[in-house]
Amino acid sequence: MRILLFTLEYPPFKGGIANYYGNLIKHWPEPDKIFILHNNQGRLIKNWLLPKWLLAIWHLRKNIKKNKIGHVLVGHILPLGTATYLIFKINKVKYSVFLHGMDFTFAIKSPRKRWLTKKILKNTANIICANAYTAKLVKDFLKTDITNNTIKVINPGINSQATRNTRLGARQVQHETRIKERYNLENKFVLLTVGRLVKRKGMDTVLASLPATLKQVPNLVYVIVGNGPELTNIQSLITKLKLEKNVIIITNADDKERNVWYNICDIFIMPARNIDGDFEGFGIVYLEANLTSKPVIAGDSGGVKDAVVNGLNGLLVNPESTKEITKAIIRLAHDKNLREKLGEQGRQRAIKEFSWEKQVKKIYNIIK
């Protein structure tokens, strides 16, 4: 059977969803039987059209006929799910829908979208959720309108190459040394966040916890690697809390430098929270930190529990509580044995359970 992935986001487009679909195609067991229809050249969505996704129907139908597609994998429930549902009503080509989190919560915010979302999901062969939290939201939304067997949870994976590169080479060690010298990190305890600077990631609550934390861990330095719309607010908060000497923001790090920071840090932290339906769908950065045997501190919200198991590969905290965040940082900072235990357990779990080959094979088996 020939498969078509129908998505708005696909590499070289950046982001977790694009990465998910890029790896799905890369690791599909039958590469000659899977095709891709994406919006990277803007051919599916036209802002001058009403509705904007009208051309997506034409492109989808054309692709199904040309490549003799037997099953469509829908990467975005709205608007691409609508186009797929309309084609399904005409030619009965089966489809499965991927849901990551925010895409679903935003799709059910208005009565019209709720009605449309229910229509799409009631006629799908499978609903593949990137985390258990989203799967529960879907079950609660659909109630008895669909069987539980239709809803599957397939977490994102990590690249097998990353699992093999758990030790730094000579050049990387030199790079690490240069970074430590550049930022004066000798004898410093490094707390790290990597991610897009958006409010749900919780950099602001980490900063708010630092004045109390520094009383117990005076040599702590908090490094934020990323860029985004919250940059100005974060910089203002640093100034307000007088943390200029204890916080480093790096907005232009490439993948190589980002990976070195994982090795440099002592603890990775991202207390992600749910803000009006905007929540962390999984958090691959937690596993990336674990791969370097580093413990993580994560916000107990959204799909994070699939990536972080409290007491196994890190600590889960109330993402709204600066007291809990402070307590978790101090606990790990003062207990080297616990840091090493959580980090190594996290590394073994990441390698064993989250390879992309394994995750994509699960999707393949569901469709087949």
Protein backbone atom coordinates (compact mmCIF):
# COMPACT_ATOMS: atom_id res chain seq x y z
CA MET A 1 0.00 0.00 0.00
CA ARG A 2 1.23 3.47 -0.90
CA ILE A 3 1.19 6.14 1.79
CA LEU A 4 1.04 9.95 1.52
CA LEU A 5 2.17 12.27 4.31
CA PHE A 6 0.12 15.48 4.03
CA THR A 7 1.61 18.28 6.16
CA LEU A 8 2.14 22.03 6.46
CA GLU A 9 5.50 21.67 8.24
CA TYR A 10 8.42 19.68 6.89
CA PRO A 11 12.24 20.14 6.84
CA PRO A 12 14.03 22.41 6.23
CA PHE A 13 11.22 24.14 8.12
CA LYS A 14 12.32 24.30 11.78
CA GLY A 15 10.41 23.00 14.79
CA GLY A 16 9.40 19.84 16.59
CA ILE A 17 6.53 18.96 14.24
CA ALA A 18 8.66 19.35 11.12
CA ASN A 19 11.35 17.22 12.78
CA TYR A 20 8.75 14.55 13.62
CA TYR A 21 7.61 14.26 10.01
CA GLY A 22 11.10 14.50 8.58
CA ASN A 23 12.15 11.50 10.63
CA LEU A 24 8.95 9.64 9.78
CA ILE A 25 9.84 9.82 6.09
CA LYS A 26 13.55 9.14 6.72
CA HIS A 27 12.92 5.97 8.72
CA TRP A 28 9.83 4.57 6.96
CA PRO A 29 10.44 0.81 6.40
CA GLU A 30 9.27 0.98 2.77
CA PRO A 31 10.83 4.22 1.45
CA ASP A 32 9.62 3.61 -2.10
CA LYS A 33 5.99 3.46 -0.93
CA ILE A 34 5.70 6.69 1.03
CA PHE A 35 5.25 10.13 -0.54
CA ILE A 36 5.19 13.65 0.84
CA LEU A 37 2.93 16.61 0.08
CA HIS A 38 3.95 19.70 2.08
CA ASN A 39 3.53 23.45 2.07
CA ASN A 40 7.18 24.55 2.00
CA GLN A 41 6.68 26.36 -1.31
CA GLY A 42 3.32 27.75 -0.22
CA ARG A 43 1.36 25.68 -2.72
CA LEU A 44 -1.24 24.39 -0.23
CA ILE A 45 -2.14 27.63 1.54
CA LYS A 46 -2.90 30.87 -0.34
CA ASN A 47 -3.82 33.90 1.74
CA TRP A 48 -5.66 35.51 -1.20
CA LEU A 49 -8.08 32.56 -1.44
CA LEU A 50 -11.19 31.92 0.62
CA PRO A 51 -10.84 29.48 2.18
CA LYS A 52 -7.04 29.75 2.20
CA TRP A 53 -6.62 25.95 1.96
CA LEU A 54 -8.83 25.47 -1.11
CA LEU A 55 -5.88 24.56 -3.36
CA ALA A 56 -4.86 21.87 -0.86
CA ILE A 57 -7.89 19.82 -1.95
CA TRP A 58 -6.81 19.98 -5.60
CA HIS A 59 -3.18 19.08 -4.82
CA LEU A 60 -4.25 16.22 -2.54
CA ARG A 61 -6.62 14.69 -5.07
CA LYS A 62 -4.01 15.02 -7.83
CA ASN A 63 -1.33 13.37 -5.67
CA ILE A 64 -3.59 10.50 -4.63
CA LYS A 65 -4.40 9.73 -8.27
CA LYS A 66 -0.82 10.16 -9.57
CA ASN A 67 0.87 7.99 -6.91
CA LYS A 68 -2.03 5.55 -6.39
CA ILE A 69 -2.22 6.42 -2.69
CA GLY A 70 -4.12 4.01 -0.44
CA HIS A 71 -3.73 5.86 2.88
CA VAL A 72 -3.16 9.51 3.81
CA LEU A 73 -1.29 10.57 6.96
CA VAL A 74 -2.68 13.97 7.95
CA GLY A 75 -0.10 16.14 9.69
CA HIS A 76 -2.41 19.03 10.65
CA ILE A 77 -6.04 18.43 11.58
CA LEU A 78 -6.99 21.96 10.53
CA PRO A 79 -6.99 22.84 7.75
CA LEU A 80 -5.49 19.77 6.06
CA GLY A 81 -7.82 17.37 7.85
CA THR A 82 -10.76 19.20 6.29
CA ALA A 83 -9.33 18.76 2.80
CA THR A 84 -8.65 15.07 3.48
CA TYR A 85 -12.13 14.49 4.90
CA LEU A 86 -13.75 16.00 1.77
CA ILE A 87 -11.64 13.77 -0.49
CA PHE A 88 -12.53 10.78 1.70
CA LYS A 89 -16.23 11.46 1.16
CA ILE A 90 -15.63 11.28 -2.60
CA ASN A 91 -13.22 8.36 -3.10
CA LYS A 92 -13.10 6.67 0.36
CA VAL A 93 -9.27 6.75 0.61
CA LYS A 94 -8.48 5.99 4.26
CA TYR A 95 -6.65 8.51 6.40
CA SER A 96 -5.01 8.78 9.82
CA VAL A 97 -4.60 12.02 11.79
CA PHE A 98 -1.56 13.07 13.84
CA LEU A 99 -2.16 15.24 16.92
CA HIS A 100 0.65 16.84 18.90
CA GLY A 101 -1.15 18.99 21.45
CA MET A 102 -1.67 22.66 20.71
CA ASP A 103 -2.91 21.80 17.20
CA PHE A 104 -5.79 19.89 18.83
CA THR A 105 -6.63 22.36 21.62
CA PHE A 106 -6.74 25.25 19.16
CA ALA A 107 -8.88 23.18 16.77
CA ILE A 108 -11.69 22.85 19.35
CA LYS A 109 -11.80 26.45 20.58
CA SER A 110 -14.77 27.62 18.50
CA PRO A 111 -18.12 25.82 17.93
CA ARG A 112 -17.55 25.65 14.16
CA LYS A 113 -14.07 24.19 14.52
CA ARG A 114 -15.24 21.75 17.21
CA TRP A 115 -17.94 20.45 14.87
CA LEU A 116 -15.49 20.12 11.99
CA THR A 117 -12.82 18.47 14.15
CA LYS A 118 -15.31 15.87 15.37
CA LYS A 119 -16.37 15.08 11.79
CA ILE A 120 -12.74 14.56 10.75
CA LEU A 121 -11.84 12.39 13.73
CA LYS A 122 -14.99 10.24 13.62
CA ASN A 123 -14.10 9.15 10.07
CA THR A 124 -10.37 8.57 10.55
CA ALA A 125 -8.80 5.11 10.58
CA ASN A 126 -6.38 6.09 13.35
CA ILE A 127 -5.68 9.03 15.65
CA ILE A 128 -1.95 9.06 16.42
CA CYS A 129 -1.10 11.28 19.40
CA ALA A 130 2.43 12.43 20.23
CA ASN A 131 1.77 12.09 23.97
CA ALA A 132 -0.61 10.51 26.46
CA TYR A 133 -1.95 13.87 27.63
CA THR A 134 -3.23 14.75 24.16
CA ALA A 135 -4.68 11.25 23.81
CA LYS A 136 -6.72 11.80 26.98
CA LEU A 137 -7.96 15.17 25.72
CA VAL A 138 -9.08 13.49 22.49
CA LYS A 139 -10.87 10.68 24.37
CA ASP A 140 -12.68 13.20 26.56
CA PHE A 141 -13.66 15.22 23.50
CA LEU A 142 -14.97 12.31 21.44
CA LYS A 143 -16.39 10.31 24.37
CA THR A 144 -18.35 7.37 22.89
CA ASP A 145 -18.12 8.59 19.30
CA ILE A 146 -14.97 6.54 18.67
CA THR A 147 -13.35 3.40 20.09
CA ASN A 148 -10.26 3.61 22.28
CA ASN A 149 -8.47 1.30 19.82
CA THR A 150 -8.50 4.09 17.26
CA ILE A 151 -6.38 6.37 19.47
CA LYS A 152 -2.67 5.49 19.63
CA VAL A 153 0.24 7.21 21.40
CA ILE A 154 3.56 7.41 19.54
CA ASN A 155 6.11 9.73 21.16
CA PRO A 156 8.77 11.56 19.14
CA GLY A 157 12.13 9.84 18.91
CA ILE A 158 15.81 10.69 18.99
CA ASN A 159 18.27 10.11 16.19
CA SER A 160 20.29 6.91 16.39
CA GLN A 161 23.39 8.92 15.51
CA ALA A 162 22.89 10.96 18.66
CA THR A 163 22.70 7.80 20.77
CA ARG A 164 26.07 6.71 19.43
CA ASN A 165 27.77 10.08 19.97
CA THR A 166 27.53 10.03 23.76
CA ARG A 167 31.22 10.87 24.19
CA LEU A 168 32.90 13.99 22.90
CA GLY A 169 35.66 13.75 20.34
CA ALA A 170 38.93 15.67 20.65
CA ARG A 171 37.67 18.66 18.64
CA GLN A 172 34.48 18.84 20.67
CA VAL A 173 36.48 18.78 23.90
CA GLN A 174 38.50 21.72 22.59
CA HIS A 175 35.28 23.50 21.65
CA GLU A 176 33.91 22.87 25.15
CA THR A 177 37.09 24.25 26.72
CA ARG A 178 36.88 27.40 24.60
CA ILE A 179 33.25 27.96 25.57
CA LYS A 180 34.05 27.54 29.28
CA GLU A 181 36.89 30.04 28.98
CA ARG A 182 34.80 32.51 26.98
CA TYR A 183 32.04 32.58 29.59
CA ASN A 184 34.28 32.17 32.65
CA LEU A 185 32.65 28.92 33.77
CA GLU A 186 35.55 27.46 35.74
CA ASN A 187 34.22 26.14 39.08
CA LYS A 188 30.69 27.19 38.13
CA PHE A 189 27.55 25.11 38.52
CA VAL A 190 25.72 25.33 35.19
CA LEU A 191 21.95 25.23 34.85
CA LEU A 192 20.80 25.01 31.22
CA THR A 193 17.64 25.62 29.19
CA VAL A 194 17.53 24.99 25.44
CA GLY A 195 14.48 26.00 23.46
CA ARG A 196 12.47 28.66 21.70
CA LEU A 197 11.91 31.64 23.98
CA VAL A 198 8.16 31.42 24.46
CA LYS A 199 6.28 31.89 27.72
CA ARG A 200 5.14 28.28 28.15
CA LYS A 201 8.77 27.05 28.38
CA GLY A 202 9.09 28.62 31.85
CA MET A 203 12.37 30.52 31.62
CA ASP A 204 10.69 33.34 33.56
CA THR A 205 9.86 31.09 36.52
CA VAL A 206 13.41 29.74 36.57
CA LEU A 207 14.70 33.31 36.73
CA ALA A 208 12.23 34.14 39.50
CA SER A 209 13.55 31.19 41.50
CA LEU A 210 17.23 32.19 41.22
CA PRO A 211 17.50 34.80 44.01
CA ALA A 212 16.54 32.16 46.59
CA THR A 213 18.56 29.44 44.83
CA LEU A 214 21.76 31.51 44.73
CA LYS A 215 21.75 31.75 48.53
CA GLN A 216 22.31 27.97 48.60
CA VAL A 217 24.24 27.58 45.32
CA PRO A 218 26.23 30.83 45.01
CA ASN A 219 28.38 29.61 42.08
CA LEU A 220 25.35 28.86 39.89
CA VAL A 221 25.18 30.20 36.33
CA TYR A 222 21.97 29.89 34.32
CA VAL A 223 22.50 29.52 30.55
CA ILE A 224 19.60 30.02 28.13
CA VAL A 225 20.21 28.83 24.56
CA GLY A 226 17.52 29.99 22.17
CA ASN A 227 15.64 32.90 20.66
CA GLY A 228 12.04 33.95 20.32
CA PRO A 229 9.34 36.48 21.16
CA GLU A 230 9.99 36.43 24.93
CA LEU A 231 13.62 37.57 24.62
CA THR A 232 12.95 41.19 25.60
CA ASN A 233 10.79 40.18 28.57
CA ILE A 234 13.44 37.75 29.78
CA GLN A 235 16.16 40.39 29.51
CA SER A 236 13.99 42.85 31.47
CA LEU A 237 13.37 40.28 34.20
CA ILE A 238 17.11 39.59 34.49
CA THR A 239 17.72 43.30 35.02
CA LYS A 240 14.84 43.63 37.49
CA LEU A 241 16.12 40.72 39.59
CA LYS A 242 19.75 41.92 39.28
CA LEU A 243 20.89 38.61 37.80
CA GLU A 244 23.19 39.97 35.09
CA LYS A 245 26.24 38.19 36.57
CA ASN A 246 24.45 34.86 36.86
CA VAL A 247 22.58 34.52 33.54
CA ILE A 248 23.92 34.01 30.01
CA ILE A 249 21.65 34.18 26.96
CA ILE A 250 22.91 32.73 23.66
CA THR A 251 20.56 33.48 20.78
CA ASN A 252 22.63 32.32 17.80
CA ALA A 253 24.00 28.88 18.76
CA ASP A 254 24.15 26.29 15.98
CA ASP A 255 23.44 22.61 16.59
CA LYS A 256 27.09 21.88 17.33
CA GLU A 257 27.36 24.52 20.04
CA ARG A 258 23.97 23.55 21.49
CA ASN A 259 25.15 19.95 21.88
CA VAL A 260 28.32 21.11 23.64
CA TRP A 261 26.20 23.03 26.14
CA TYR A 262 24.42 19.80 27.04
CA ASN A 263 27.82 18.37 27.97
CA ILE A 264 28.88 21.45 29.91
CA CYS A 265 25.76 21.76 32.05
CA ASP A 266 25.19 20.07 35.40
CA ILE A 267 21.38 20.18 35.24
CA PHE A 268 18.95 20.75 32.38
CA ILE A 269 15.78 22.64 33.31
CA MET A 270 12.57 23.54 31.47
CA PRO A 271 9.52 23.91 33.75
CA ALA A 272 7.04 24.03 30.88
CA ARG A 273 3.46 24.98 31.73
CA ASN A 274 0.01 25.05 30.14
CA ILE A 275 -1.09 28.56 29.13
CA ASP A 276 -4.64 28.57 27.76
CA GLY A 277 -4.16 25.39 25.74
CA ASP A 278 -0.59 26.16 24.70
CA PHE A 279 1.45 23.36 26.27
CA GLU A 280 4.57 21.30 25.67
CA GLY A 281 3.62 18.33 23.51
CA PHE A 282 6.58 16.22 24.61
CA GLY A 283 9.95 17.95 25.03
CA ILE A 284 12.65 16.19 23.03
CA VAL A 285 15.22 18.48 24.72
CA TYR A 286 14.79 16.50 27.94
CA LEU A 287 15.95 13.33 26.18
CA GLU A 288 18.78 15.18 24.43
CA ALA A 289 20.05 16.25 27.84
CA ASN A 290 19.61 12.73 29.18
CA LEU A 291 21.75 11.40 26.32
CA THR A 292 24.68 13.26 27.84
CA SER A 293 23.86 11.68 31.22
CA LYS A 294 22.42 14.90 32.63
CA PRO A 295 19.39 14.97 34.98
CA VAL A 296 16.46 17.20 34.07
CA ILE A 297 13.95 19.33 35.94
CA ALA A 298 10.65 19.54 34.09
CA GLY A 299 7.24 21.11 34.53
CA ASP A 300 4.48 18.65 35.38
CA SER A 301 2.16 19.70 32.55
CA GLY A 302 1.01 18.75 29.06
CA GLY A 303 2.84 15.86 27.42
CA VAL A 304 6.02 16.25 29.48
CA LYS A 305 5.30 13.16 31.60
CA ASP A 306 5.95 10.99 28.54
CA ALA A 307 9.49 12.37 28.33
CA VAL A 308 10.29 12.74 32.04
CA VAL A 309 9.49 10.17 34.71
CA ASN A 310 9.81 11.66 38.18
CA GLY A 311 12.69 10.02 40.03
CA LEU A 312 13.85 8.03 37.00
CA ASN A 313 15.46 10.52 34.60
CA GLY A 314 14.68 13.76 36.38
CA LEU A 315 12.39 15.65 38.73
CA LEU A 316 8.90 16.91 37.94
CA VAL A 317 7.82 20.16 39.59
CA ASN A 318 4.77 22.38 39.69
CA PRO A 319 5.74 24.79 36.87
CA GLU A 320 3.90 27.67 38.54
CA SER A 321 5.77 27.28 41.87
CA THR A 322 9.11 29.06 42.18
CA LYS A 323 9.50 27.38 45.59
CA GLU A 324 9.32 23.90 44.04
CA ILE A 325 11.71 24.90 41.27
CA THR A 326 14.17 26.34 43.80
CA LYS A 327 13.92 23.22 45.96
CA ALA A 328 14.57 20.90 42.98
CA ILE A 329 17.63 22.87 41.81
CA ILE A 330 19.14 22.97 45.30
CA ARG A 331 18.44 19.28 45.86
CA LEU A 332 20.27 18.22 42.71
CA ALA A 333 23.04 20.77 43.14
CA HIS A 334 23.85 19.39 46.60
CA ASP A 335 23.54 15.71 45.68
CA LYS A 336 26.06 14.64 43.04
CA ASN A 337 25.14 10.97 43.41
CA LEU A 338 21.49 11.71 42.62
CA ARG A 339 22.49 13.80 39.60
CA GLU A 340 24.61 10.97 38.24
CA LYS A 341 21.96 8.35 38.96
CA LEU A 342 19.13 10.24 37.22
CA GLY A 343 21.40 11.21 34.33
CA GLU A 344 22.61 7.68 33.62
CA GLN A 345 19.13 6.18 34.00
CA GLY A 346 17.88 8.81 31.59
CA ARG A 347 20.59 8.00 29.08
CA GLN A 348 19.80 4.28 29.11
CA ARG A 349 16.06 4.97 28.79
CA ALA A 350 16.52 7.38 25.89
CA ILE A 351 18.66 4.92 23.94
CA LYS A 352 16.44 1.91 24.68
CA GLU A 353 12.97 3.38 24.24
CA PHE A 354 13.12 6.42 21.96
CA SER A 355 15.02 5.67 18.75
CA TRP A 356 13.30 7.05 15.65
CA GLU A 357 13.58 3.67 13.96
CA LYS A 358 11.51 2.12 16.75
CA GLN A 359 8.93 4.91 16.87
CA VAL A 360 8.37 4.97 13.10
CA LYS A 361 8.04 1.17 13.00
CA LYS A 362 5.16 1.53 15.48
CA ILE A 363 3.41 3.96 13.13
CA TYR A 364 4.10 1.67 10.18
CA ASN A 365 2.57 -1.30 12.00
CA ILE A 366 -0.53 0.73 12.91
CA ILE A 367 -1.12 1.78 9.30
CA LYS A 368 -0.38 -1.65 7.88
